[in-house]
Amino acid sequence: MTDQLDVTGAHDALEAFLVASFRDRDYAAAAEATQITWLNVHTSDIPGAIANAMRIVVPIDYEHIECTVLHTAKVFSEVMVDVAFVIVASSEKWNFRYEGTARVIREEDYMKPSPDGLWGVNPASMARGQRQMTPTR
């Protein structure tokens, strides 16, 4: 049954999160696509917490970056999916590629998953990927 669920909203949330946090470096905007429970745990400095979580995923100061949502990697339920993505970044010294998954959870409130809730990315879940770094020269 879970194979037939429409998880388009999860893909949309991840794309919005990737664009805001990596391309635009607008962590306040990234919070709009972040899981409600994760936000409630990090209330003292939400933009800082998102920035720190993303620094684990892409550890270089990049000049160019492309983020792509690939596909649904796993459907756990109607309120939780893993979505695959890839990030390609470059700087003067490094070429970087990261392939991973993000856990995207649908919640209506703190600790309240719901099929009627909003999809949101759990930033900490994005650190489970594979990274490749090569020198540019």
Foldseek 3Di string as FASTA:
>chain_A
DLVPADPVLQLVLVVQLCCCCPVVVPQVSNVVQADQQLCVVVVVCRSVVLNVLVCLQPVDDFDDKDKAWDAFPAGPDLFKTKTWMKMWTHHQWKTKIKIFIWIWGFAQHHVHGDNPGHIHTHSNRRNPIDMDMDTPD
